[in-house]
Protein backbone atom coordinates (compact mmCIF):
# COMPACT_ATOMS: atom_id res chain seq x y z
CA MET A 1 -15.02 7.61 -8.70
CA PRO A 2 -12.83 5.51 -11.03
CA GLY A 3 -12.18 2.89 -8.32
CA TRP A 4 -15.83 1.78 -8.45
CA GLU A 5 -15.59 0.77 -12.12
CA GLY A 6 -16.22 -2.95 -12.43
CA SER A 7 -16.69 -3.28 -8.67
CA THR A 8 -19.71 -4.65 -6.83
CA ARG A 9 -18.62 -2.84 -3.66
CA LYS A 10 -21.11 0.01 -3.84
CA ALA A 11 -24.02 -2.39 -4.34
CA ARG A 12 -22.95 -4.36 -1.25
CA LEU A 13 -23.12 -1.36 1.09
CA PRO A 14 -26.01 -1.48 3.57
CA ARG A 15 -29.14 0.53 2.81
CA ASP A 16 -28.41 2.88 5.69
CA TRP A 17 -24.80 3.52 4.57
CA TYR A 18 -25.25 7.30 4.46
CA THR A 19 -26.53 7.27 8.07
CA ILE A 20 -23.57 5.09 9.13
CA ARG A 21 -21.17 7.35 7.22
CA LYS A 22 -22.54 10.47 8.89
CA ARG A 23 -22.24 8.84 12.34
CA ILE A 24 -18.59 7.78 11.76
CA LEU A 25 -17.59 11.23 10.48
CA ALA A 26 -19.19 12.82 13.57
CA ARG A 27 -17.55 10.27 15.90
CA ASP A 28 -14.11 11.10 14.47
CA GLY A 29 -14.68 14.86 14.68
CA GLN A 30 -14.94 15.29 10.89
CA ARG A 31 -11.16 14.84 10.81
CA CYS A 32 -8.90 12.29 9.11
CA THR A 33 -7.79 9.58 11.55
CA MET A 34 -4.63 8.49 9.68
CA ILE A 35 -1.51 8.63 11.83
CA GLU A 36 1.86 9.06 10.13
CA ASN A 37 5.14 9.59 11.97
CA GLY A 38 3.23 9.71 15.25
CA GLN A 39 1.05 12.62 14.10
CA ARG A 40 -2.64 12.53 13.25
CA CYS A 41 -3.51 14.04 9.88
CA ASN A 42 -5.06 17.48 10.35
CA LEU A 43 -7.11 17.49 7.13
CA PRO A 44 -10.90 17.29 7.18
CA ALA A 45 -12.31 13.81 6.60
CA SER A 46 -14.48 13.31 3.55
CA ASP A 47 -14.49 9.51 3.27
CA VAL A 48 -15.36 6.59 5.54
CA ASP A 49 -12.99 3.66 5.15
CA HIS A 50 -13.35 -0.03 6.03
CA ILE A 51 -10.24 -0.81 8.09
CA GLU A 52 -10.35 -4.50 7.20
CA ARG A 53 -11.43 -5.40 3.68
CA GLY A 54 -14.78 -7.07 3.33
CA ASP A 55 -18.36 -6.35 4.19
CA ASN A 56 -18.00 -5.73 7.91
CA HIS A 57 -19.80 -2.39 8.37
CA ALA A 58 -19.51 -2.36 12.18
CA ASP A 59 -18.44 0.97 13.66
CA ALA A 60 -15.24 -0.63 15.00
CA ASN A 61 -14.22 -1.47 11.42
CA LEU A 62 -14.87 2.04 10.06
CA ARG A 63 -12.83 5.21 10.26
CA SER A 64 -12.80 8.68 8.73
CA LEU A 65 -10.11 9.54 6.21
CA CYS A 66 -9.27 12.49 3.99
CA LYS A 67 -9.44 11.82 0.24
CA GLY A 68 -5.64 11.58 -0.06
CA HIS A 69 -5.19 8.99 2.66
CA HIS A 70 -8.20 6.96 1.49
CA HIS A 71 -6.84 6.89 -2.05
CA LYS A 72 -3.36 5.93 -0.80
CA LYS A 73 -4.74 3.06 1.33
CA SER A 74 -7.09 1.79 -1.39
CA SER A 75 -4.33 1.90 -4.01
CA ALA A 76 -1.99 -0.09 -1.77
CA GLU A 77 -4.71 -2.71 -1.19
CA GLY A 78 -5.45 -2.89 -4.91
CA GLY A 79 -1.80 -3.51 -5.66
CA LYS A 80 -1.79 -6.50 -3.30
CA ALA A 81 -5.07 -7.98 -4.58
CA PRO A 82 -4.87 -11.12 -6.71
CA ARG A 83 -5.39 -10.52 -10.41
CA ARG A 84 -8.67 -11.64 -11.89
CA ALA A 85 -8.36 -14.38 -14.48
CA SER A 86 -10.75 -12.53 -16.77
CA ARG A 87 -8.55 -9.44 -16.94
CA LYS A 88 -7.10 -8.95 -20.39
CA TYR A 89 -3.43 -8.13 -20.61
CA SER A 90 -1.91 -6.32 -23.51
CA VAL A 91 0.43 -8.29 -25.70
CA THR A 92 3.84 -6.76 -26.11
CA ARG A 93 4.53 -6.15 -29.74
CA PRO A 94 8.00 -6.79 -31.14
CA PRO A 95 10.30 -3.79 -31.20
CA GLU A 96 10.33 -1.81 -34.43
CA LYS A 97 13.56 -1.65 -36.39
CA HIS A 98 15.31 1.68 -36.30
CA PRO A 99 14.73 3.44 -39.64
CA GLY A 100 18.40 4.39 -39.90
CA ILE A 101 19.64 0.81 -39.78
CA ARG A 102 19.75 -1.06 -43.05
CA GLU A 103 19.52 -4.79 -43.17
CA ALA A 104 22.33 -6.71 -44.81
CA PRO A 105 21.40 -7.90 -48.32
CA GLN A 106 20.25 -11.50 -48.56
CA GLN A 107 22.66 -13.84 -50.40
């Protein structure tokens, strides 16, 4: 999963995460719990999501989501997260001159 790259999240999951995950999926009927426009998603759940960010792995903070809704939620959270100071940003290079435009001769 590309979202794990550079993240310590997976290492911070509890040892019994797969047992917790299985219990949450069963609790939610193996179905996505996302509600949009007053309707619950009818897709099968494949992921267990932390409702509030952080390391709270209590059942009340976990819910089952389909891949699409989990990706959508995680992407929205990532967009709001503060940028890390160590992240390298690309430098914008100056625009290239159009090959059809000739420069005026120097005098």
